[in-house]
Amino acid sequence: MPEFELISQFTEDVFAAEDRVCERPVCRARIAKGDPCFYVGTVDPGKPGRYVCGPCHAHYLTMPATSVRPSGMLSPVSPLIHTATVNPPPVIAFGQGSMTHSAGPDIIVPLPWGQPQNVVHAAHPGRSSGYSVNHTQYSTERERWAKLSYALPPTETITLDILAVHEVGAWKKGHWVAIRNIREGKKDVNACIDAPGLMNIAFDTILPKILTFGAGFPWRIEEFVVRDAVWVNLATHKALVPYFISQCMVPSKKGSKAPTFKSKQFTLMVIVPEAQWNEYEEWVEKAEEVSWILKFAAVQISIYMVQVATRQVQVQHRVEMVENVSLFCSWQQFR
């Protein structure tokens, strides 16, 4: 058996629309109009198949390297197809022996009739040849969309009060000072949210405001931390564990032993470290000094320009007086 096994496509119950010759090289028998005429694909995708007579069709069926497409999946083909100038879909050869794959079939879908037949079969490492990148992500995407399709909006929600603060070194740990009026609220937050999720919400809400407040200063945002109202660092808590849900469960008033959920408001703080805040204040002081120097220099320049203008006016006035005196003396002499 050759290296590549032929998988031929057949169309059953098809009759010749006109007189033609069997295209099998060793046969060349005449196929009269209305006689059975069968199509057999070739192993080369770039070449058209052959229309053969009944005996040659039976010969191809007996070959061990030939596969027959079930007739139950095909609809009768109109005789107009035999008069068309386009070629039927090509047959794809599947390798055996040297070509091996770890899992999955080697799939190439033939292009529709009338389309260019330059099918490129490129093998990709780590997956079965014939699959694209979208196929390799199918399982992940299916799981993601399934969760989105069946996930209901959270019925148990909490409210967050998020603010920006900086540490104060003169006091004990746990004391802070708010940064201006940088504060924002978030409502309808899933009560089962974990610590990393709370940190993402806090950073996404407050960081743009801090960067706008201290525009120009090289903030090191990777040093910022998120803490709750009792100064607990959320980065020390594990993911996938609800952070505030236990504080929302209260004893039931109906006498049931199972606690009931009660929505609450919780505070989160984006903390700027003490050292970095001191650097920011020094940077602000230097910027203010430079600004004051520039303003003072501008005032001095303005004063100087006024003095220069005044002197020019005085000089011009003296020149005019001298000219007037000279004219008067000349007039007296002339008399």
C-alpha atoms as a PDB file:
ATOM      1  CA  MET A   1       0.000   0.000   0.000  1.00  0.00           C
ATOM      2  CA  PRO A   2       1.437   3.446  -0.858  1.00  0.00           C
ATOM      3  CA  GLU A   3       2.451   6.006   1.765  1.00  0.00           C
ATOM      4  CA  PHE A   4      -0.737   8.000   1.304  1.00  0.00           C
ATOM      5  CA  GLU A   5      -4.078   6.218   1.444  1.00  0.00           C
ATOM      6  CA  LEU A   6      -6.748   7.439  -1.004  1.00  0.00           C
ATOM      7  CA  ILE A   7     -10.138   8.378   0.382  1.00  0.00           C
ATOM      8  CA  SER A   8     -12.424   8.683  -2.647  1.00  0.00           C
ATOM      9  CA  GLN A   9     -15.745  10.457  -2.688  1.00  0.00           C
ATOM     10  CA  PHE A  10     -18.594   8.820  -4.597  1.00  0.00           C
ATOM     11  CA  THR A  11     -21.989  10.028  -5.688  1.00  0.00           C
ATOM     12  CA  GLU A  12     -24.430   7.189  -6.175  1.00  0.00           C
ATOM     13  CA  ASP A  13     -27.486   6.985  -8.412  1.00  0.00           C
ATOM     14  CA  VAL A  14     -26.130   9.510 -10.895  1.00  0.00           C
ATOM     15  CA  PHE A  15     -26.657   9.119 -14.623  1.00  0.00           C
ATOM     16  CA  ALA A  16     -24.857  10.675 -17.578  1.00  0.00           C
ATOM     17  CA  ALA A  17     -26.563  13.761 -18.931  1.00  0.00           C
ATOM     18  CA  GLU A  18     -24.968  13.157 -22.344  1.00  0.00           C
ATOM     19  CA  ASP A  19     -22.783  10.689 -24.153  1.00  0.00           C
ATOM     20  CA  ARG A  20     -19.268  10.595 -22.757  1.00  0.00           C
ATOM     21  CA  VAL A  21     -16.207   8.353 -22.345  1.00  0.00           C
ATOM     22  CA  CYS A  22     -15.084   6.626 -19.155  1.00  0.00           C
ATOM     23  CA  GLU A  23     -12.142   8.663 -17.869  1.00  0.00           C
ATOM     24  CA  ARG A  24     -10.309   5.689 -16.338  1.00  0.00           C
ATOM     25  CA  PRO A  25      -7.118   5.423 -18.468  1.00  0.00           C
ATOM     26  CA  VAL A  26      -7.290   1.625 -18.830  1.00  0.00           C
ATOM     27  CA  CYS A  27     -10.993   1.580 -19.774  1.00  0.00           C
ATOM     28  CA  ARG A  28     -12.120   4.471 -22.004  1.00  0.00           C
ATOM     29  CA  ALA A  29     -15.484   2.766 -22.480  1.00  0.00           C
ATOM     30  CA  ARG A  30     -18.419   4.716 -23.935  1.00  0.00           C
ATOM     31  CA  ILE A  31     -21.047   5.883 -21.433  1.00  0.00           C
ATOM     32  CA  ALA A  32     -24.345   6.509 -23.201  1.00  0.00           C
ATOM     33  CA  LYS A  33     -26.743   9.206 -22.146  1.00  0.00           C
ATOM     34  CA  GLY A  34     -28.808   7.979 -19.190  1.00  0.00           C
ATOM     35  CA  ASP A  35     -26.348   5.239 -18.207  1.00  0.00           C
ATOM     36  CA  PRO A  36     -24.829   5.186 -14.700  1.00  0.00           C
ATOM     37  CA  CYS A  37     -21.884   7.587 -14.411  1.00  0.00           C
ATOM     38  CA  PHE A  38     -19.935   7.795 -11.171  1.00  0.00           C
ATOM     39  CA  TYR A  39     -17.527  10.437  -9.948  1.00  0.00           C
ATOM     40  CA  VAL A  40     -14.261   9.399  -8.264  1.00  0.00           C
ATOM     41  CA  GLY A  41     -11.945  11.951  -6.648  1.00  0.00           C
ATOM     42  CA  THR A  42      -8.173  11.892  -6.952  1.00  0.00           C
ATOM     43  CA  VAL A  43      -5.464  11.924  -4.342  1.00  0.00           C
ATOM     44  CA  ASP A  44      -4.082  15.246  -5.621  1.00  0.00           C
ATOM     45  CA  PRO A  45      -6.230  18.180  -4.356  1.00  0.00           C
ATOM     46  CA  GLY A  46      -5.162  20.298  -7.321  1.00  0.00           C
ATOM     47  CA  LYS A  47      -6.470  17.892  -9.960  1.00  0.00           C
ATOM     48  CA  PRO A  48     -10.103  17.194 -10.902  1.00  0.00           C
ATOM     49  CA  GLY A  49     -11.658  13.788 -10.363  1.00  0.00           C
ATOM     50  CA  ARG A  50     -12.843  11.285 -12.955  1.00  0.00           C
ATOM     51  CA  TYR A  51     -16.243  10.229 -14.263  1.00  0.00           C
ATOM     52  CA  VAL A  52     -16.190   6.472 -14.690  1.00  0.00           C
ATOM     53  CA  CYS A  53     -18.556   3.786 -15.872  1.00  0.00           C
ATOM     54  CA  GLY A  54     -20.288   1.170 -13.712  1.00  0.00           C
ATOM     55  CA  PRO A  55     -17.635  -1.597 -14.015  1.00  0.00           C
ATOM     56  CA  CYS A  56     -14.801   0.819 -13.172  1.00  0.00           C
ATOM     57  CA  HIS A  57     -16.840   2.120 -10.251  1.00  0.00           C
ATOM     58  CA  ALA A  58     -17.212  -1.462  -8.985  1.00  0.00           C
ATOM     59  CA  HIS A  59     -13.454  -1.896  -9.434  1.00  0.00           C
ATOM     60  CA  TYR A  60     -12.708   1.133  -7.273  1.00  0.00           C
ATOM     61  CA  LEU A  61     -15.064  -0.195  -4.607  1.00  0.00           C
ATOM     62  CA  THR A  62     -13.004  -3.370  -4.278  1.00  0.00           C
ATOM     63  CA  MET A  63      -9.732  -1.497  -3.734  1.00  0.00           C
ATOM     64  CA  PRO A  64      -8.652  -1.596  -0.045  1.00  0.00           C
ATOM     65  CA  ALA A  65      -7.406   2.010  -0.146  1.00  0.00           C
ATOM     66  CA  THR A  66     -10.805   3.386  -1.182  1.00  0.00           C
ATOM     67  CA  SER A  67     -13.524   4.754   1.069  1.00  0.00           C
ATOM     68  CA  VAL A  68     -17.147   5.247   0.041  1.00  0.00           C
ATOM     69  CA  ARG A  69     -19.205   8.150   1.296  1.00  0.00           C
ATOM     70  CA  PRO A  70     -22.568   6.801   2.552  1.00  0.00           C
ATOM     71  CA  SER A  71     -25.426   7.465   0.160  1.00  0.00           C
ATOM     72  CA  GLY A  72     -27.816   8.193   3.058  1.00  0.00           C
ATOM     73  CA  MET A  73     -26.040  11.485   3.727  1.00  0.00           C
ATOM     74  CA  LEU A  74     -26.261  12.654   0.094  1.00  0.00           C
ATOM     75  CA  SER A  75     -29.152  13.963  -1.909  1.00  0.00           C
ATOM     76  CA  PRO A  76     -29.592  13.037  -5.582  1.00  0.00           C
ATOM     77  CA  VAL A  77     -27.420  15.193  -7.788  1.00  0.00           C
ATOM     78  CA  SER A  78     -29.059  17.073 -10.607  1.00  0.00           C
ATOM     79  CA  PRO A  79     -27.843  16.210 -14.141  1.00  0.00           C
ATOM     80  CA  LEU A  80     -27.027  19.900 -14.543  1.00  0.00           C
ATOM     81  CA  ILE A  81     -24.006  19.365 -12.308  1.00  0.00           C
ATOM     82  CA  HIS A  82     -22.363  17.187 -14.982  1.00  0.00           C
ATOM     83  CA  THR A  83     -22.491  20.063 -17.442  1.00  0.00           C
ATOM     84  CA  ALA A  84     -20.867  22.542 -15.079  1.00  0.00           C
ATOM     85  CA  THR A  85     -17.343  23.739 -15.745  1.00  0.00           C
ATOM     86  CA  VAL A  86     -16.251  23.837 -12.097  1.00  0.00           C
ATOM     87  CA  ASN A  87     -14.520  20.906 -10.419  1.00  0.00           C
ATOM     88  CA  PRO A  88     -16.040  19.020  -7.474  1.00  0.00           C
ATOM     89  CA  PRO A  89     -14.393  19.341  -4.064  1.00  0.00           C
ATOM     90  CA  PRO A  90     -10.947  17.736  -4.016  1.00  0.00           C
ATOM     91  CA  VAL A  91     -10.080  14.627  -2.082  1.00  0.00           C
ATOM     92  CA  ILE A  92      -7.619  15.069   0.762  1.00  0.00           C
ATOM     93  CA  ALA A  93      -4.928  12.465   1.399  1.00  0.00           C
ATOM     94  CA  PHE A  94      -4.289  11.418   4.986  1.00  0.00           C
ATOM     95  CA  GLY A  95      -0.782  10.339   5.934  1.00  0.00           C
ATOM     96  CA  GLN A  96       0.085   7.051   7.555  1.00  0.00           C
ATOM     97  CA  GLY A  97       3.395   5.871   8.887  1.00  0.00           C
ATOM     98  CA  SER A  98       5.643   8.919   9.019  1.00  0.00           C
ATOM     99  CA  MET A  99       2.887  11.378  10.011  1.00  0.00           C
ATOM    100  CA  THR A 100       1.707  10.795  13.572  1.00  0.00           C
ATOM    101  CA  HIS A 101      -0.347  12.953  15.911  1.00  0.00           C
ATOM    102  CA  SER A 102      -0.733  12.787  19.644  1.00  0.00           C
ATOM    103  CA  ALA A 103      -4.506  13.217  19.651  1.00  0.00           C
ATOM    104  CA  GLY A 104      -7.395  14.120  17.425  1.00  0.00           C
ATOM    105  CA  PRO A 105      -7.986  13.619  13.726  1.00  0.00           C
ATOM    106  CA  ASP A 106      -6.181  15.303  10.864  1.00  0.00           C
ATOM    107  CA  ILE A 107      -8.917  17.454   9.382  1.00  0.00           C
ATOM    108  CA  ILE A 108      -8.954  19.572   6.248  1.00  0.00           C
ATOM    109  CA  VAL A 109     -12.326  20.737   4.963  1.00  0.00           C
ATOM    110  CA  PRO A 110     -12.494  20.951   1.134  1.00  0.00           C
ATOM    111  CA  LEU A 111     -13.476  24.311  -0.255  1.00  0.00           C
ATOM    112  CA  PRO A 112     -16.869  24.718  -1.984  1.00  0.00           C
ATOM    113  CA  TRP A 113     -17.136  24.107  -5.700  1.00  0.00           C
ATOM    114  CA  GLY A 114     -15.917  26.966  -7.792  1.00  0.00           C
ATOM    115  CA  GLN A 115     -13.502  28.232  -5.118  1.00  0.00           C
ATOM    116  CA  PRO A 116      -9.677  28.214  -5.508  1.00  0.00           C
ATOM    117  CA  GLN A 117      -8.326  24.817  -4.546  1.00  0.00           C
ATOM    118  CA  ASN A 118      -4.971  25.938  -3.125  1.00  0.00           C
ATOM    119  CA  VAL A 119      -5.539  24.265   0.221  1.00  0.00           C
ATOM    120  CA  VAL A 120      -2.530  24.672   2.484  1.00  0.00           C
ATOM    121  CA  HIS A 121      -2.024  21.959   5.068  1.00  0.00           C
ATOM    122  CA  ALA A 122       0.303  23.365   7.761  1.00  0.00           C
ATOM    123  CA  ALA A 123       1.189  21.423  10.865  1.00  0.00           C
ATOM    124  CA  HIS A 124       1.287  23.322  14.127  1.00  0.00           C
ATOM    125  CA  PRO A 125       3.314  22.132  17.091  1.00  0.00           C
ATOM    126  CA  GLY A 126       1.395  21.100  20.148  1.00  0.00           C
ATOM    127  CA  ARG A 127      -1.885  20.338  18.393  1.00  0.00           C
ATOM    128  CA  SER A 128      -3.287  18.178  15.637  1.00  0.00           C
ATOM    129  CA  SER A 129      -2.586  19.311  12.108  1.00  0.00           C
ATOM    130  CA  GLY A 130      -5.633  20.808  10.504  1.00  0.00           C
ATOM    131  CA  TYR A 131      -6.905  22.634  13.610  1.00  0.00           C
ATOM    132  CA  SER A 132      -6.624  26.397  13.963  1.00  0.00           C
ATOM    133  CA  VAL A 133      -5.908  28.495  17.051  1.00  0.00           C
ATOM    134  CA  ASN A 134      -9.651  28.891  17.609  1.00  0.00           C
ATOM    135  CA  HIS A 135     -10.026  25.125  17.857  1.00  0.00           C
ATOM    136  CA  THR A 136      -7.388  24.885  20.602  1.00  0.00           C
ATOM    137  CA  GLN A 137      -9.258  27.496  22.671  1.00  0.00           C
ATOM    138  CA  TYR A 138     -12.640  25.821  22.214  1.00  0.00           C
ATOM    139  CA  SER A 139     -12.754  24.156  25.621  1.00  0.00           C
ATOM    140  CA  THR A 140     -11.803  27.329  27.503  1.00  0.00           C
ATOM    141  CA  GLU A 141     -14.179  29.524  25.533  1.00  0.00           C
ATOM    142  CA  ARG A 142     -17.035  27.029  25.929  1.00  0.00           C
ATOM    143  CA  GLU A 143     -16.584  27.003  29.699  1.00  0.00           C
ATOM    144  CA  ARG A 144     -16.387  30.795  29.870  1.00  0.00           C
ATOM    145  CA  TRP A 145     -19.529  31.372  27.802  1.00  0.00           C
ATOM    146  CA  ALA A 146     -21.381  28.668  29.702  1.00  0.00           C
ATOM    147  CA  LYS A 147     -20.689  30.503  32.959  1.00  0.00           C
ATOM    148  CA  LEU A 148     -21.808  33.803  31.451  1.00  0.00           C
ATOM    149  CA  SER A 149     -24.979  32.244  30.048  1.00  0.00           C
ATOM    150  CA  TYR A 150     -26.116  30.593  33.251  1.00  0.00           C
ATOM    151  CA  ALA A 151     -24.743  33.067  35.803  1.00  0.00           C
ATOM    152  CA  LEU A 152     -27.516  35.119  37.356  1.00  0.00           C
ATOM    153  CA  PRO A 153     -26.976  38.648  38.669  1.00  0.00           C
ATOM    154  CA  PRO A 154     -25.876  38.556  42.305  1.00  0.00           C
ATOM    155  CA  THR A 155     -28.788  38.869  44.695  1.00  0.00           C
ATOM    156  CA  GLU A 156     -26.541  39.491  47.707  1.00  0.00           C
ATOM    157  CA  THR A 157     -24.629  42.730  47.257  1.00  0.00           C
ATOM    158  CA  ILE A 158     -22.638  45.164  49.377  1.00  0.00           C
ATOM    159  CA  THR A 159     -21.587  48.803  49.117  1.00  0.00           C
ATOM    160  CA  LEU A 160     -17.967  49.977  49.133  1.00  0.00           C
ATOM    161  CA  ASP A 161     -16.601  53.308  50.353  1.00  0.00           C
ATOM    162  CA  ILE A 162     -13.152  53.683  48.767  1.00  0.00           C
ATOM    163  CA  LEU A 163     -10.750  56.497  49.619  1.00  0.00           C
ATOM    164  CA  ALA A 164      -7.102  57.414  49.154  1.00  0.00           C
ATOM    165  CA  VAL A 165      -4.942  57.897  52.265  1.00  0.00           C
ATOM    166  CA  HIS A 166      -1.280  58.076  53.199  1.00  0.00           C
ATOM    167  CA  GLU A 167       0.542  56.722  56.208  1.00  0.00           C
ATOM    168  CA  VAL A 168       1.611  59.013  59.025  1.00  0.00           C
ATOM    169  CA  GLY A 169       4.907  58.022  60.604  1.00  0.00           C
ATOM    170  CA  ALA A 170       4.480  60.108  63.741  1.00  0.00           C
ATOM    171  CA  TRP A 171       1.590  57.940  64.913  1.00  0.00           C
ATOM    172  CA  LYS A 172       1.209  54.267  65.550  1.00  0.00           C
ATOM    173  CA  LYS A 173       0.461  51.765  62.842  1.00  0.00           C
ATOM    174  CA  GLY A 174      -3.107  51.955  61.699  1.00  0.00           C
ATOM    175  CA  HIS A 175      -3.438  55.745  61.615  1.00  0.00           C
ATOM    176  CA  TRP A 176      -3.723  57.576  58.342  1.00  0.00           C
ATOM    177  CA  VAL A 177      -4.590  60.908  56.746  1.00  0.00           C
ATOM    178  CA  ALA A 178      -6.952  61.245  53.816  1.00  0.00           C
ATOM    179  CA  ILE A 179      -5.566  62.700  50.590  1.00  0.00           C
ATOM    180  CA  ARG A 180      -7.698  65.721  49.796  1.00  0.00           C
ATOM    181  CA  ASN A 181     -11.203  64.657  48.729  1.00  0.00           C
ATOM    182  CA  ILE A 182     -10.214  61.550  46.796  1.00  0.00           C
ATOM    183  CA  ARG A 183     -13.134  59.312  47.674  1.00  0.00           C
ATOM    184  CA  GLU A 184     -15.571  57.217  45.682  1.00  0.00           C
ATOM    185  CA  GLY A 185     -18.455  54.854  46.408  1.00  0.00           C
ATOM    186  CA  LYS A 186     -19.386  51.590  44.695  1.00  0.00           C
ATOM    187  CA  LYS A 187     -22.762  49.921  45.068  1.00  0.00           C
ATOM    188  CA  ASP A 188     -24.196  46.555  43.986  1.00  0.00           C
ATOM    189  CA  VAL A 189     -20.893  44.742  44.495  1.00  0.00           C
ATOM    190  CA  ASN A 190     -21.180  40.969  44.760  1.00  0.00           C
ATOM    191  CA  ALA A 191     -21.017  40.045  48.430  1.00  0.00           C
ATOM    192  CA  CYS A 192     -19.023  36.899  47.585  1.00  0.00           C
ATOM    193  CA  ILE A 193     -16.165  38.873  46.064  1.00  0.00           C
ATOM    194  CA  ASP A 194     -12.703  37.837  47.218  1.00  0.00           C
ATOM    195  CA  ALA A 195      -9.721  39.962  48.305  1.00  0.00           C
ATOM    196  CA  PRO A 196      -8.048  40.192  44.838  1.00  0.00           C
ATOM    197  CA  GLY A 197     -11.350  41.313  43.356  1.00  0.00           C
ATOM    198  CA  LEU A 198     -11.718  44.030  45.979  1.00  0.00           C
ATOM    199  CA  MET A 199      -8.162  45.195  45.307  1.00  0.00           C
ATOM    200  CA  ASN A 200      -8.876  45.469  41.584  1.00  0.00           C
ATOM    201  CA  ILE A 201     -11.979  47.566  42.232  1.00  0.00           C
ATOM    202  CA  ALA A 202     -10.108  49.845  44.651  1.00  0.00           C
ATOM    203  CA  PHE A 203      -7.153  50.392  42.331  1.00  0.00           C
ATOM    204  CA  ASP A 204      -9.302  50.934  39.237  1.00  0.00           C
ATOM    205  CA  THR A 205     -11.364  53.514  41.122  1.00  0.00           C
ATOM    206  CA  ILE A 206      -8.710  55.478  43.027  1.00  0.00           C
ATOM    207  CA  LEU A 207      -5.465  55.283  41.032  1.00  0.00           C
ATOM    208  CA  PRO A 208      -6.633  57.590  38.198  1.00  0.00           C
ATOM    209  CA  LYS A 209      -7.640  60.186  40.785  1.00  0.00           C
ATOM    210  CA  ILE A 210      -4.270  59.981  42.579  1.00  0.00           C
ATOM    211  CA  LEU A 211      -2.379  60.341  39.294  1.00  0.00           C
ATOM    212  CA  THR A 212      -4.481  63.381  38.435  1.00  0.00           C
ATOM    213  CA  PHE A 213      -4.023  64.881  41.906  1.00  0.00           C
ATOM    214  CA  GLY A 214      -0.215  64.516  41.802  1.00  0.00           C
ATOM    215  CA  ALA A 215       0.312  65.021  38.092  1.00  0.00           C
ATOM    216  CA  GLY A 216       4.000  65.164  37.261  1.00  0.00           C
ATOM    217  CA  PHE A 217       5.207  63.213  40.280  1.00  0.00           C
ATOM    218  CA  PRO A 218       6.684  59.762  39.536  1.00  0.00           C
ATOM    219  CA  TRP A 219       4.326  57.658  41.646  1.00  0.00           C
ATOM    220  CA  ARG A 220       5.419  54.067  42.344  1.00  0.00           C
ATOM    221  CA  ILE A 221       1.968  52.530  42.270  1.00  0.00           C
ATOM    222  CA  GLU A 222       3.358  49.026  42.746  1.00  0.00           C
ATOM    223  CA  GLU A 223       4.059  50.029  46.368  1.00  0.00           C
ATOM    224  CA  PHE A 224       0.435  50.980  47.056  1.00  0.00           C
ATOM    225  CA  VAL A 225      -1.602  48.575  49.176  1.00  0.00           C
ATOM    226  CA  VAL A 226      -5.307  48.181  49.895  1.00  0.00           C
ATOM    227  CA  ARG A 227      -6.518  47.866  53.484  1.00  0.00           C
ATOM    228  CA  ASP A 228      -9.899  47.646  55.121  1.00  0.00           C
ATOM    229  CA  ALA A 229     -11.263  49.753  57.972  1.00  0.00           C
ATOM    230  CA  VAL A 230      -9.299  47.804  60.599  1.00  0.00           C
ATOM    231  CA  TRP A 231      -6.026  48.153  58.678  1.00  0.00           C
ATOM    232  CA  VAL A 232      -5.907  44.582  57.321  1.00  0.00           C
ATOM    233  CA  ASN A 233      -3.841  44.220  54.143  1.00  0.00           C
ATOM    234  CA  LEU A 234      -6.035  42.510  51.542  1.00  0.00           C
ATOM    235  CA  ALA A 235      -2.973  41.197  49.699  1.00  0.00           C
ATOM    236  CA  THR A 236      -2.382  38.728  52.544  1.00  0.00           C
ATOM    237  CA  HIS A 237      -5.688  36.950  51.941  1.00  0.00           C
ATOM    238  CA  LYS A 238      -6.236  34.053  49.561  1.00  0.00           C
ATOM    239  CA  ALA A 239      -8.212  34.263  46.354  1.00  0.00           C
ATOM    240  CA  LEU A 240     -11.596  32.586  45.796  1.00  0.00           C
ATOM    241  CA  VAL A 241     -12.528  33.126  49.467  1.00  0.00           C
ATOM    242  CA  PRO A 242     -15.317  35.687  50.073  1.00  0.00           C
ATOM    243  CA  TYR A 243     -13.881  38.534  52.144  1.00  0.00           C
ATOM    244  CA  PHE A 244     -16.927  40.350  53.596  1.00  0.00           C
ATOM    245  CA  ILE A 245     -19.663  37.720  53.382  1.00  0.00           C
ATOM    246  CA  SER A 246     -19.194  36.513  56.965  1.00  0.00           C
ATOM    247  CA  GLN A 247     -19.765  40.024  58.299  1.00  0.00           C
ATOM    248  CA  CYS A 248     -23.066  40.244  56.422  1.00  0.00           C
ATOM    249  CA  MET A 249     -24.579  37.116  57.982  1.00  0.00           C
ATOM    250  CA  VAL A 250     -26.798  37.954  60.957  1.00  0.00           C
ATOM    251  CA  PRO A 251     -29.012  35.734  63.122  1.00  0.00           C
ATOM    252  CA  SER A 252     -32.472  35.201  61.742  1.00  0.00           C
ATOM    253  CA  LYS A 253     -35.343  36.943  63.558  1.00  0.00           C
ATOM    254  CA  LYS A 254     -37.784  34.181  62.676  1.00  0.00           C
ATOM    255  CA  GLY A 255     -36.218  31.694  65.056  1.00  0.00           C
ATOM    256  CA  SER A 256     -34.381  29.767  62.383  1.00  0.00           C
ATOM    257  CA  LYS A 257     -30.872  28.626  63.215  1.00  0.00           C
ATOM    258  CA  ALA A 258     -29.617  29.504  59.726  1.00  0.00           C
ATOM    259  CA  PRO A 259     -28.324  33.115  59.547  1.00  0.00           C
ATOM    260  CA  THR A 260     -29.697  35.528  56.987  1.00  0.00           C
ATOM    261  CA  PHE A 261     -27.850  37.951  54.730  1.00  0.00           C
ATOM    262  CA  LYS A 262     -27.946  41.685  55.410  1.00  0.00           C
ATOM    263  CA  SER A 263     -26.295  44.128  53.035  1.00  0.00           C
ATOM    264  CA  LYS A 264     -23.722  46.449  54.592  1.00  0.00           C
ATOM    265  CA  GLN A 265     -21.245  49.158  53.647  1.00  0.00           C
ATOM    266  CA  PHE A 266     -17.514  48.515  53.948  1.00  0.00           C
ATOM    267  CA  THR A 267     -14.536  50.836  53.726  1.00  0.00           C
ATOM    268  CA  LEU A 268     -11.469  50.224  51.589  1.00  0.00           C
ATOM    269  CA  MET A 269      -8.395  52.445  51.575  1.00  0.00           C
ATOM    270  CA  VAL A 270      -5.679  52.727  48.953  1.00  0.00           C
ATOM    271  CA  ILE A 271      -2.589  53.415  51.062  1.00  0.00           C
ATOM    272  CA  VAL A 272       0.341  55.507  49.875  1.00  0.00           C
ATOM    273  CA  PRO A 273       3.452  54.494  51.883  1.00  0.00           C
ATOM    274  CA  GLU A 274       4.917  57.037  54.259  1.00  0.00           C
ATOM    275  CA  ALA A 275       8.294  57.252  52.484  1.00  0.00           C
ATOM    276  CA  GLN A 276       6.701  57.867  49.113  1.00  0.00           C
ATOM    277  CA  TRP A 277       4.337  60.489  50.530  1.00  0.00           C
ATOM    278  CA  ASN A 278       7.326  62.318  52.097  1.00  0.00           C
ATOM    279  CA  GLU A 279       9.014  62.304  48.681  1.00  0.00           C
ATOM    280  CA  TYR A 280       5.852  63.751  47.192  1.00  0.00           C
ATOM    281  CA  GLU A 281       5.718  66.569  49.761  1.00  0.00           C
ATOM    282  CA  GLU A 282       9.388  67.417  49.125  1.00  0.00           C
ATOM    283  CA  TRP A 283       8.677  67.437  45.407  1.00  0.00           C
ATOM    284  CA  VAL A 284       5.753  69.815  45.985  1.00  0.00           C
ATOM    285  CA  GLU A 285       7.897  72.118  48.142  1.00  0.00           C
ATOM    286  CA  LYS A 286      10.617  72.288  45.506  1.00  0.00           C
ATOM    287  CA  ALA A 287       8.022  72.945  42.828  1.00  0.00           C
ATOM    288  CA  GLU A 288       6.559  75.739  44.959  1.00  0.00           C
ATOM    289  CA  GLU A 289      10.024  77.234  45.519  1.00  0.00           C
ATOM    290  CA  VAL A 290      10.750  77.191  41.814  1.00  0.00           C
ATOM    291  CA  SER A 291       7.348  78.714  41.135  1.00  0.00           C
ATOM    292  CA  TRP A 292       7.956  81.448  43.747  1.00  0.00           C
ATOM    293  CA  ILE A 293      11.380  82.209  42.286  1.00  0.00           C
ATOM    294  CA  LEU A 294       9.927  82.464  38.818  1.00  0.00           C
ATOM    295  CA  LYS A 295       7.157  84.750  40.050  1.00  0.00           C
ATOM    296  CA  PHE A 296       9.645  86.926  41.957  1.00  0.00           C
ATOM    297  CA  ALA A 297      11.871  87.131  38.893  1.00  0.00           C
ATOM    298  CA  ALA A 298       8.878  88.113  36.779  1.00  0.00           C
ATOM    299  CA  VAL A 299       7.955  90.855  39.260  1.00  0.00           C
ATOM    300  CA  GLN A 300      11.521  92.171  39.333  1.00  0.00           C
ATOM    301  CA  ILE A 301      11.679  92.188  35.576  1.00  0.00           C
ATOM    302  CA  SER A 302       8.395  94.101  35.450  1.00  0.00           C
ATOM    303  CA  ILE A 303       9.695  96.666  37.954  1.00  0.00           C
ATOM    304  CA  TYR A 304      12.909  97.062  35.989  1.00  0.00           C
ATOM    305  CA  MET A 305      11.015  97.535  32.745  1.00  0.00           C
ATOM    306  CA  VAL A 306       8.869 100.220  34.414  1.00  0.00           C
ATOM    307  CA  GLN A 307      11.965 102.006  35.720  1.00  0.00           C
ATOM    308  CA  VAL A 308      13.610 101.859  32.311  1.00  0.00           C
ATOM    309  CA  ALA A 309      10.493 103.276  30.692  1.00  0.00           C
ATOM    310  CA  THR A 310      10.334 106.037  33.317  1.00  0.00           C
ATOM    311  CA  ARG A 311      13.965 106.977  32.723  1.00  0.00           C
ATOM    312  CA  GLN A 312      13.404 107.090  29.013  1.00  0.00           C
ATOM    313  CA  VAL A 313      10.492 109.458  29.544  1.00  0.00           C
ATOM    314  CA  GLN A 314      12.582 111.660  31.835  1.00  0.00           C
ATOM    315  CA  VAL A 315      15.455 111.758  29.358  1.00  0.00           C
ATOM    316  CA  GLN A 316      13.097 112.603  26.549  1.00  0.00           C
ATOM    317  CA  HIS A 317      11.582 115.372  28.662  1.00  0.00           C
ATOM    318  CA  ARG A 318      15.030 116.847  29.423  1.00  0.00           C
ATOM    319  CA  VAL A 319      15.953 116.728  25.747  1.00  0.00           C
ATOM    320  CA  GLU A 320      12.818 118.594  24.866  1.00  0.00           C
ATOM    321  CA  MET A 321      13.541 121.234  27.557  1.00  0.00           C
ATOM    322  CA  VAL A 322      17.076 121.749  26.233  1.00  0.00           C
ATOM    323  CA  GLU A 323      15.785 122.130  22.720  1.00  0.00           C
ATOM    324  CA  ASN A 324      13.206 124.662  23.871  1.00  0.00           C
ATOM    325  CA  VAL A 325      15.847 126.693  25.737  1.00  0.00           C
ATOM    326  CA  SER A 326      18.121 126.660  22.713  1.00  0.00           C
ATOM    327  CA  LEU A 327      15.310 127.865  20.480  1.00  0.00           C
ATOM    328  CA  PHE A 328      14.475 130.664  22.925  1.00  0.00           C
ATOM    329  CA  CYS A 329      18.118 131.855  23.103  1.00  0.00           C
ATOM    330  CA  SER A 330      18.404 131.820  19.354  1.00  0.00           C
ATOM    331  CA  TRP A 331      15.235 133.901  19.068  1.00  0.00           C
ATOM    332  CA  GLN A 332      16.586 136.481  21.574  1.00  0.00           C
ATOM    333  CA  GLN A 333      19.823 136.813  19.643  1.00  0.00           C
ATOM    334  CA  PHE A 334      17.934 137.265  16.432  1.00  0.00           C
ATOM    335  CA  ARG A 335      15.945 140.176  17.884  1.00  0.00           C
END
